[in-house]
N, C-alpha and C. Protein backbone atom coordinates (compact mmCIF):
# COMPACT_ATOMS: atom_id res chain seq x y z
N MET A 1 46.62 -44.69 -131.39
CA MET A 1 46.28 -45.69 -130.42
C MET A 1 47.16 -45.57 -129.17
N LYS A 2 48.44 -45.32 -129.42
CA LYS A 2 49.37 -45.15 -128.31
C LYS A 2 48.94 -43.99 -127.41
N ARG A 3 48.48 -42.93 -128.03
CA ARG A 3 48.05 -41.74 -127.30
C ARG A 3 46.87 -42.06 -126.38
N ILE A 4 45.95 -42.87 -126.86
CA ILE A 4 44.78 -43.24 -126.05
C ILE A 4 45.22 -44.05 -124.83
N PHE A 5 46.09 -45.03 -125.04
CA PHE A 5 46.57 -45.83 -123.92
C PHE A 5 47.35 -44.99 -122.92
N LEU A 6 48.16 -44.08 -123.42
CA LEU A 6 48.94 -43.21 -122.55
C LEU A 6 48.03 -42.31 -121.73
N THR A 7 47.03 -41.74 -122.37
CA THR A 7 46.06 -40.89 -121.66
C THR A 7 45.31 -41.70 -120.61
N LEU A 8 44.87 -42.87 -120.97
CA LEU A 8 44.16 -43.75 -120.03
C LEU A 8 45.04 -44.10 -118.84
N PHE A 9 46.30 -44.40 -119.10
CA PHE A 9 47.24 -44.73 -118.02
C PHE A 9 47.36 -43.57 -117.04
N PHE A 10 47.53 -42.35 -117.54
CA PHE A 10 47.70 -41.19 -116.65
C PHE A 10 46.42 -40.89 -115.87
N VAL A 11 45.28 -41.06 -116.50
CA VAL A 11 44.01 -40.85 -115.79
C VAL A 11 43.87 -41.84 -114.65
N LEU A 12 44.13 -43.10 -114.90
CA LEU A 12 44.02 -44.12 -113.86
C LEU A 12 45.06 -43.92 -112.77
N PHE A 13 46.27 -43.57 -113.15
CA PHE A 13 47.34 -43.35 -112.18
C PHE A 13 47.02 -42.16 -111.28
N SER A 14 46.53 -41.06 -111.86
CA SER A 14 46.26 -39.87 -111.06
C SER A 14 45.07 -40.11 -110.12
N ALA A 15 44.11 -40.91 -110.54
CA ALA A 15 42.98 -41.21 -109.65
C ALA A 15 43.46 -41.99 -108.44
N ASN A 16 44.38 -42.94 -108.62
CA ASN A 16 44.90 -43.71 -107.50
C ASN A 16 45.78 -42.86 -106.60
N ALA A 17 46.47 -41.88 -107.15
CA ALA A 17 47.37 -41.05 -106.36
C ALA A 17 46.60 -40.20 -105.34
N PHE A 18 45.35 -39.90 -105.63
CA PHE A 18 44.58 -39.04 -104.74
C PHE A 18 43.52 -39.79 -103.95
N SER A 19 43.46 -41.09 -104.07
CA SER A 19 42.46 -41.86 -103.34
C SER A 19 42.92 -42.09 -101.91
N ALA A 20 41.96 -42.32 -101.04
CA ALA A 20 42.25 -42.56 -99.64
C ALA A 20 42.80 -43.97 -99.44
N ASP A 21 43.57 -44.14 -98.38
CA ASP A 21 44.07 -45.47 -98.03
C ASP A 21 42.98 -46.31 -97.37
N VAL A 22 42.07 -45.64 -96.66
CA VAL A 22 40.95 -46.30 -95.98
C VAL A 22 39.69 -45.47 -96.23
N THR A 23 38.59 -46.14 -96.49
CA THR A 23 37.31 -45.45 -96.63
C THR A 23 36.38 -45.90 -95.51
N VAL A 24 35.78 -44.93 -94.84
CA VAL A 24 34.84 -45.20 -93.76
C VAL A 24 33.50 -44.57 -94.15
N GLU A 25 32.47 -45.40 -94.16
CA GLU A 25 31.13 -44.90 -94.48
C GLU A 25 30.42 -44.46 -93.22
N MET A 26 29.64 -43.39 -93.34
CA MET A 26 28.80 -42.92 -92.25
C MET A 26 27.40 -43.50 -92.50
N LEU A 27 26.98 -44.40 -91.63
CA LEU A 27 25.78 -45.21 -91.89
C LEU A 27 24.63 -44.92 -90.94
N ASN A 28 23.41 -44.99 -91.49
CA ASN A 28 22.22 -44.99 -90.63
C ASN A 28 22.07 -46.35 -89.96
N LYS A 29 22.42 -47.40 -90.72
CA LYS A 29 22.33 -48.76 -90.17
C LYS A 29 23.38 -49.63 -90.87
N ASN A 30 24.15 -50.34 -90.07
CA ASN A 30 25.12 -51.29 -90.59
C ASN A 30 24.38 -52.58 -90.91
N LYS A 31 24.37 -52.97 -92.17
CA LYS A 31 23.62 -54.16 -92.60
C LYS A 31 24.12 -55.44 -91.97
N GLU A 32 25.43 -55.49 -91.68
CA GLU A 32 26.00 -56.71 -91.09
C GLU A 32 25.71 -56.82 -89.59
N THR A 33 25.93 -55.73 -88.86
CA THR A 33 25.77 -55.79 -87.40
C THR A 33 24.39 -55.37 -86.93
N LYS A 34 23.63 -54.73 -87.82
CA LYS A 34 22.29 -54.21 -87.52
C LYS A 34 22.31 -53.02 -86.55
N LYS A 35 23.50 -52.51 -86.24
CA LYS A 35 23.60 -51.35 -85.34
C LYS A 35 23.26 -50.09 -86.12
N ARG A 36 22.63 -49.14 -85.41
CA ARG A 36 22.19 -47.90 -86.04
C ARG A 36 23.13 -46.76 -85.69
N MET A 37 23.21 -45.78 -86.61
CA MET A 37 24.01 -44.58 -86.46
C MET A 37 25.45 -44.93 -86.08
N VAL A 38 26.16 -45.50 -87.04
CA VAL A 38 27.53 -45.95 -86.82
C VAL A 38 28.41 -45.60 -88.03
N TYR A 39 29.70 -45.64 -87.79
CA TYR A 39 30.67 -45.59 -88.88
C TYR A 39 30.94 -47.04 -89.28
N SER A 40 31.20 -47.28 -90.56
CA SER A 40 31.42 -48.65 -91.03
C SER A 40 32.63 -49.29 -90.36
N GLN A 41 33.62 -48.50 -90.01
CA GLN A 41 34.77 -48.96 -89.23
C GLN A 41 34.93 -47.99 -88.06
N GLU A 42 34.77 -48.49 -86.86
CA GLU A 42 34.83 -47.60 -85.70
C GLU A 42 36.23 -47.50 -85.12
N LEU A 43 37.08 -48.45 -85.42
CA LEU A 43 38.48 -48.42 -85.01
C LEU A 43 39.33 -48.68 -86.24
N VAL A 44 40.12 -47.67 -86.62
CA VAL A 44 40.96 -47.77 -87.81
C VAL A 44 42.41 -47.58 -87.39
N LYS A 45 43.27 -48.49 -87.83
CA LYS A 45 44.71 -48.38 -87.56
C LYS A 45 45.42 -48.15 -88.89
N ILE A 46 46.18 -47.04 -88.95
CA ILE A 46 46.89 -46.69 -90.18
C ILE A 46 48.32 -46.28 -89.85
N ASP A 47 49.13 -46.17 -90.89
CA ASP A 47 50.50 -45.69 -90.75
C ASP A 47 50.54 -44.18 -90.92
N VAL A 48 51.59 -43.56 -90.41
CA VAL A 48 51.80 -42.13 -90.59
C VAL A 48 51.86 -41.84 -92.09
N GLY A 49 51.15 -40.80 -92.50
CA GLY A 49 51.13 -40.41 -93.91
C GLY A 49 49.96 -40.98 -94.69
N GLN A 50 49.24 -41.92 -94.11
CA GLN A 50 48.06 -42.47 -94.79
C GLN A 50 46.85 -41.56 -94.54
N SER A 51 45.83 -41.76 -95.35
CA SER A 51 44.64 -40.93 -95.24
C SER A 51 43.39 -41.79 -95.11
N ILE A 52 42.36 -41.15 -94.57
CA ILE A 52 41.04 -41.78 -94.43
C ILE A 52 40.03 -40.86 -95.10
N GLU A 53 39.14 -41.47 -95.87
CA GLU A 53 38.03 -40.72 -96.44
C GLU A 53 36.75 -41.18 -95.77
N TRP A 54 36.01 -40.24 -95.22
CA TRP A 54 34.71 -40.52 -94.63
C TRP A 54 33.66 -40.14 -95.67
N VAL A 55 32.77 -41.09 -95.97
CA VAL A 55 31.77 -40.90 -97.02
C VAL A 55 30.38 -41.04 -96.39
N PRO A 56 29.57 -39.99 -96.48
CA PRO A 56 28.21 -40.10 -95.93
C PRO A 56 27.32 -40.93 -96.85
N THR A 57 26.51 -41.79 -96.25
CA THR A 57 25.52 -42.53 -97.03
C THR A 57 24.15 -41.88 -96.87
N ASP A 58 24.12 -40.81 -96.07
CA ASP A 58 22.90 -40.05 -95.81
C ASP A 58 23.34 -38.61 -95.55
N LYS A 59 22.48 -37.68 -95.83
CA LYS A 59 22.82 -36.26 -95.68
C LYS A 59 22.98 -35.81 -94.23
N GLY A 60 22.58 -36.61 -93.27
CA GLY A 60 22.56 -36.18 -91.88
C GLY A 60 23.80 -36.48 -91.06
N HIS A 61 24.90 -36.89 -91.70
CA HIS A 61 26.11 -37.27 -90.96
C HIS A 61 27.27 -36.33 -91.25
N ASN A 62 28.22 -36.28 -90.29
CA ASN A 62 29.44 -35.50 -90.49
C ASN A 62 30.58 -36.11 -89.68
N VAL A 63 31.73 -35.46 -89.72
CA VAL A 63 32.89 -35.87 -88.94
C VAL A 63 33.37 -34.65 -88.16
N GLU A 64 33.47 -34.82 -86.84
CA GLU A 64 34.00 -33.77 -85.97
C GLU A 64 35.11 -34.39 -85.13
N MET A 65 36.33 -33.94 -85.34
CA MET A 65 37.46 -34.41 -84.55
C MET A 65 37.35 -33.81 -83.15
N LEU A 66 37.42 -34.67 -82.14
CA LEU A 66 37.32 -34.22 -80.75
C LEU A 66 38.67 -34.09 -80.08
N ALA A 67 39.57 -35.00 -80.38
CA ALA A 67 40.88 -35.00 -79.72
C ALA A 67 41.89 -35.75 -80.57
N GLY A 68 43.14 -35.35 -80.40
CA GLY A 68 44.24 -36.00 -81.10
C GLY A 68 45.53 -35.74 -80.35
N PRO A 69 46.63 -36.20 -80.87
CA PRO A 69 47.91 -36.00 -80.20
C PRO A 69 48.36 -34.54 -80.26
N GLU A 70 49.28 -34.19 -79.37
CA GLU A 70 49.84 -32.84 -79.39
C GLU A 70 50.53 -32.61 -80.73
N GLY A 71 50.41 -31.39 -81.22
CA GLY A 71 51.05 -31.04 -82.48
C GLY A 71 50.19 -31.29 -83.70
N TYR A 72 49.00 -31.82 -83.51
CA TYR A 72 48.12 -32.07 -84.65
C TYR A 72 47.15 -30.91 -84.78
N ASP A 73 47.05 -30.36 -85.96
CA ASP A 73 46.13 -29.27 -86.25
C ASP A 73 44.77 -29.87 -86.57
N MET A 74 43.85 -29.79 -85.63
CA MET A 74 42.54 -30.41 -85.80
C MET A 74 41.74 -29.74 -86.91
N PRO A 75 41.24 -30.53 -87.86
CA PRO A 75 40.41 -29.94 -88.92
C PRO A 75 39.06 -29.51 -88.36
N LYS A 76 38.43 -28.59 -89.06
CA LYS A 76 37.10 -28.13 -88.64
C LYS A 76 36.07 -29.24 -88.85
N LYS A 77 35.00 -29.13 -88.11
CA LYS A 77 33.88 -30.05 -88.25
C LYS A 77 33.33 -29.94 -89.68
N THR A 78 33.07 -31.07 -90.31
CA THR A 78 32.53 -31.03 -91.67
C THR A 78 31.06 -30.67 -91.65
N LYS A 79 30.59 -30.22 -92.79
CA LYS A 79 29.17 -29.93 -92.93
C LYS A 79 28.42 -31.25 -93.06
N LEU A 80 27.15 -31.24 -92.73
CA LEU A 80 26.33 -32.45 -92.85
C LEU A 80 26.30 -32.92 -94.30
N GLY A 81 26.47 -34.22 -94.48
CA GLY A 81 26.41 -34.81 -95.81
C GLY A 81 27.65 -34.59 -96.66
N GLU A 82 28.71 -34.08 -96.07
CA GLU A 82 29.93 -33.77 -96.82
C GLU A 82 31.00 -34.84 -96.60
N ALA A 83 31.54 -35.35 -97.69
CA ALA A 83 32.66 -36.30 -97.59
C ALA A 83 33.92 -35.52 -97.23
N VAL A 84 34.83 -36.20 -96.53
CA VAL A 84 36.09 -35.55 -96.16
C VAL A 84 37.22 -36.57 -96.24
N ASN A 85 38.38 -36.11 -96.68
CA ASN A 85 39.57 -36.95 -96.77
C ASN A 85 40.64 -36.27 -95.93
N ILE A 86 41.13 -36.96 -94.90
CA ILE A 86 42.13 -36.39 -93.99
C ILE A 86 43.38 -37.26 -94.01
N LYS A 87 44.51 -36.60 -94.21
CA LYS A 87 45.81 -37.27 -94.17
C LYS A 87 46.37 -37.09 -92.76
N PHE A 88 46.82 -38.19 -92.16
CA PHE A 88 47.33 -38.17 -90.79
C PHE A 88 48.85 -38.20 -90.80
N THR A 89 49.46 -37.12 -90.33
CA THR A 89 50.91 -36.99 -90.36
C THR A 89 51.55 -37.03 -88.97
N VAL A 90 50.73 -36.99 -87.93
CA VAL A 90 51.23 -37.03 -86.56
C VAL A 90 50.77 -38.33 -85.91
N PRO A 91 51.69 -39.16 -85.40
CA PRO A 91 51.29 -40.42 -84.77
C PRO A 91 50.52 -40.17 -83.47
N GLY A 92 49.60 -41.08 -83.18
CA GLY A 92 48.82 -41.00 -81.95
C GLY A 92 47.40 -41.48 -82.17
N ILE A 93 46.57 -41.27 -81.15
CA ILE A 93 45.17 -41.68 -81.19
C ILE A 93 44.30 -40.45 -81.43
N TYR A 94 43.33 -40.61 -82.32
CA TYR A 94 42.39 -39.54 -82.65
C TYR A 94 40.97 -40.02 -82.33
N LEU A 95 40.19 -39.15 -81.74
CA LEU A 95 38.80 -39.45 -81.39
C LEU A 95 37.90 -38.52 -82.21
N TYR A 96 36.89 -39.08 -82.84
CA TYR A 96 35.97 -38.26 -83.64
C TYR A 96 34.53 -38.73 -83.45
N GLN A 97 33.58 -37.90 -83.88
CA GLN A 97 32.17 -38.22 -83.74
C GLN A 97 31.37 -37.63 -84.89
N CYS A 98 30.15 -38.12 -85.02
CA CYS A 98 29.14 -37.49 -85.87
C CYS A 98 28.37 -36.58 -84.93
N SER A 99 28.46 -35.28 -85.14
CA SER A 99 27.86 -34.32 -84.20
C SER A 99 26.37 -34.57 -83.92
N PRO A 100 25.52 -34.75 -84.95
CA PRO A 100 24.11 -34.95 -84.66
C PRO A 100 23.78 -36.27 -83.96
N HIS A 101 24.67 -37.26 -84.08
CA HIS A 101 24.36 -38.58 -83.53
C HIS A 101 25.33 -39.03 -82.44
N ALA A 102 26.04 -38.10 -81.85
CA ALA A 102 27.01 -38.44 -80.81
C ALA A 102 26.34 -39.08 -79.60
N ALA A 103 25.19 -38.57 -79.22
CA ALA A 103 24.49 -39.13 -78.06
C ALA A 103 24.04 -40.57 -78.31
N MET A 104 23.96 -40.95 -79.58
CA MET A 104 23.57 -42.32 -79.95
C MET A 104 24.80 -43.23 -80.08
N GLY A 105 25.97 -42.69 -79.78
CA GLY A 105 27.18 -43.50 -79.81
C GLY A 105 27.90 -43.53 -81.14
N MET A 106 27.63 -42.56 -82.02
CA MET A 106 28.28 -42.55 -83.32
C MET A 106 29.63 -41.84 -83.19
N ILE A 107 30.61 -42.63 -82.74
CA ILE A 107 31.98 -42.14 -82.57
C ILE A 107 32.95 -43.14 -83.17
N GLY A 108 34.19 -42.70 -83.34
CA GLY A 108 35.21 -43.59 -83.86
C GLY A 108 36.59 -43.18 -83.38
N ILE A 109 37.53 -44.08 -83.56
CA ILE A 109 38.92 -43.85 -83.15
C ILE A 109 39.84 -44.23 -84.30
N VAL A 110 40.88 -43.41 -84.50
CA VAL A 110 41.94 -43.69 -85.47
C VAL A 110 43.24 -43.78 -84.68
N VAL A 111 44.00 -44.85 -84.92
CA VAL A 111 45.33 -45.00 -84.33
C VAL A 111 46.34 -44.88 -85.46
N VAL A 112 47.22 -43.90 -85.33
CA VAL A 112 48.19 -43.63 -86.38
C VAL A 112 49.58 -44.04 -85.90
N GLY A 113 50.22 -44.89 -86.69
CA GLY A 113 51.60 -45.29 -86.41
C GLY A 113 51.77 -46.15 -85.16
N GLY A 114 50.68 -46.71 -84.65
CA GLY A 114 50.77 -47.57 -83.46
C GLY A 114 51.09 -46.82 -82.18
N ASP A 115 51.15 -45.50 -82.22
CA ASP A 115 51.48 -44.68 -81.05
C ASP A 115 50.23 -44.51 -80.17
N THR A 116 50.31 -44.98 -78.93
CA THR A 116 49.19 -44.87 -78.00
C THR A 116 49.53 -43.99 -76.80
N SER A 117 50.52 -43.15 -76.94
CA SER A 117 50.99 -42.34 -75.80
C SER A 117 49.97 -41.32 -75.33
N ASN A 118 48.99 -40.96 -76.15
CA ASN A 118 47.97 -40.00 -75.71
C ASN A 118 46.66 -40.68 -75.32
N MET A 119 46.73 -41.98 -74.98
CA MET A 119 45.52 -42.72 -74.62
C MET A 119 44.80 -42.12 -73.42
N GLU A 120 45.53 -41.69 -72.40
CA GLU A 120 44.88 -41.11 -71.21
C GLU A 120 44.11 -39.85 -71.56
N ALA A 121 44.65 -39.03 -72.46
CA ALA A 121 43.95 -37.82 -72.89
C ALA A 121 42.66 -38.17 -73.63
N ILE A 122 42.70 -39.22 -74.42
CA ILE A 122 41.50 -39.66 -75.14
C ILE A 122 40.48 -40.23 -74.16
N LYS A 123 40.95 -41.00 -73.17
CA LYS A 123 40.06 -41.57 -72.14
C LYS A 123 39.36 -40.48 -71.35
N SER A 124 40.06 -39.40 -71.08
CA SER A 124 39.50 -38.35 -70.23
C SER A 124 38.71 -37.30 -71.01
N LYS A 125 38.72 -37.37 -72.33
CA LYS A 125 37.99 -36.41 -73.15
C LYS A 125 36.50 -36.59 -72.95
N LYS A 126 35.80 -35.52 -72.65
CA LYS A 126 34.36 -35.57 -72.44
C LYS A 126 33.68 -35.82 -73.78
N VAL A 127 32.79 -36.81 -73.78
CA VAL A 127 32.00 -37.12 -74.97
C VAL A 127 30.53 -36.98 -74.65
N THR A 128 29.70 -36.87 -75.68
CA THR A 128 28.27 -36.67 -75.51
C THR A 128 27.55 -38.00 -75.31
N GLY A 129 26.92 -38.17 -74.16
CA GLY A 129 26.10 -39.35 -73.91
C GLY A 129 26.84 -40.56 -73.40
N SER A 130 26.10 -41.38 -72.67
CA SER A 130 26.70 -42.58 -72.07
C SER A 130 27.05 -43.63 -73.13
N LYS A 131 26.29 -43.69 -74.23
CA LYS A 131 26.61 -44.65 -75.30
C LYS A 131 27.98 -44.35 -75.91
N SER A 132 28.25 -43.07 -76.13
CA SER A 132 29.54 -42.68 -76.69
C SER A 132 30.67 -42.99 -75.72
N LYS A 133 30.42 -42.75 -74.45
CA LYS A 133 31.45 -43.02 -73.44
C LYS A 133 31.76 -44.52 -73.38
N LYS A 134 30.73 -45.35 -73.38
CA LYS A 134 30.92 -46.81 -73.35
C LYS A 134 31.64 -47.29 -74.60
N LYS A 135 31.23 -46.77 -75.76
CA LYS A 135 31.86 -47.20 -77.01
C LYS A 135 33.32 -46.75 -77.06
N ARG A 136 33.60 -45.52 -76.63
CA ARG A 136 34.99 -45.05 -76.62
C ARG A 136 35.85 -45.95 -75.75
N ASN A 137 35.38 -46.26 -74.56
CA ASN A 137 36.14 -47.11 -73.65
C ASN A 137 36.34 -48.52 -74.22
N LYS A 138 35.31 -49.05 -74.87
CA LYS A 138 35.42 -50.37 -75.50
C LYS A 138 36.45 -50.34 -76.64
N LEU A 139 36.39 -49.32 -77.48
CA LEU A 139 37.34 -49.22 -78.59
C LEU A 139 38.77 -49.07 -78.09
N LEU A 140 38.96 -48.34 -77.02
CA LEU A 140 40.31 -48.16 -76.47
C LEU A 140 40.88 -49.50 -75.97
N THR A 141 40.02 -50.39 -75.47
CA THR A 141 40.52 -51.68 -75.00
C THR A 141 40.90 -52.59 -76.19
N GLU A 142 40.39 -52.28 -77.38
CA GLU A 142 40.67 -53.09 -78.57
C GLU A 142 41.95 -52.66 -79.29
N ILE A 143 42.56 -51.60 -78.83
CA ILE A 143 43.79 -51.10 -79.49
C ILE A 143 44.95 -52.01 -79.19
């Protein structure tokens, strides 16, 4: 009996050790806001060392990092319908989008460690479509 409890403890502990600190869903439609082609959280604030997992709710979404602080090694664009877990180790602002739906305003921002020193670089980053530009500017004012 002790062995079963011990095994169960280690299984549960190891699952928590690898889970994300924040989960963001890639949505066709947000049931609460009724907005289409959005991330469940468009502005996420985390501490250095925390991670975010993006989970597609449909096969047609992905995550493409567009900009981040200096010294950050930008991950490659994910494949459509693929979940991704990214650990953020460099403080600053990160801008990302869903490649197929960028023109529809499907973008998001991550602020790591409260550092906003690269805000001007994020503001000046070219994004696809006027909806994305408006949403980026709105999210930056909410930081």
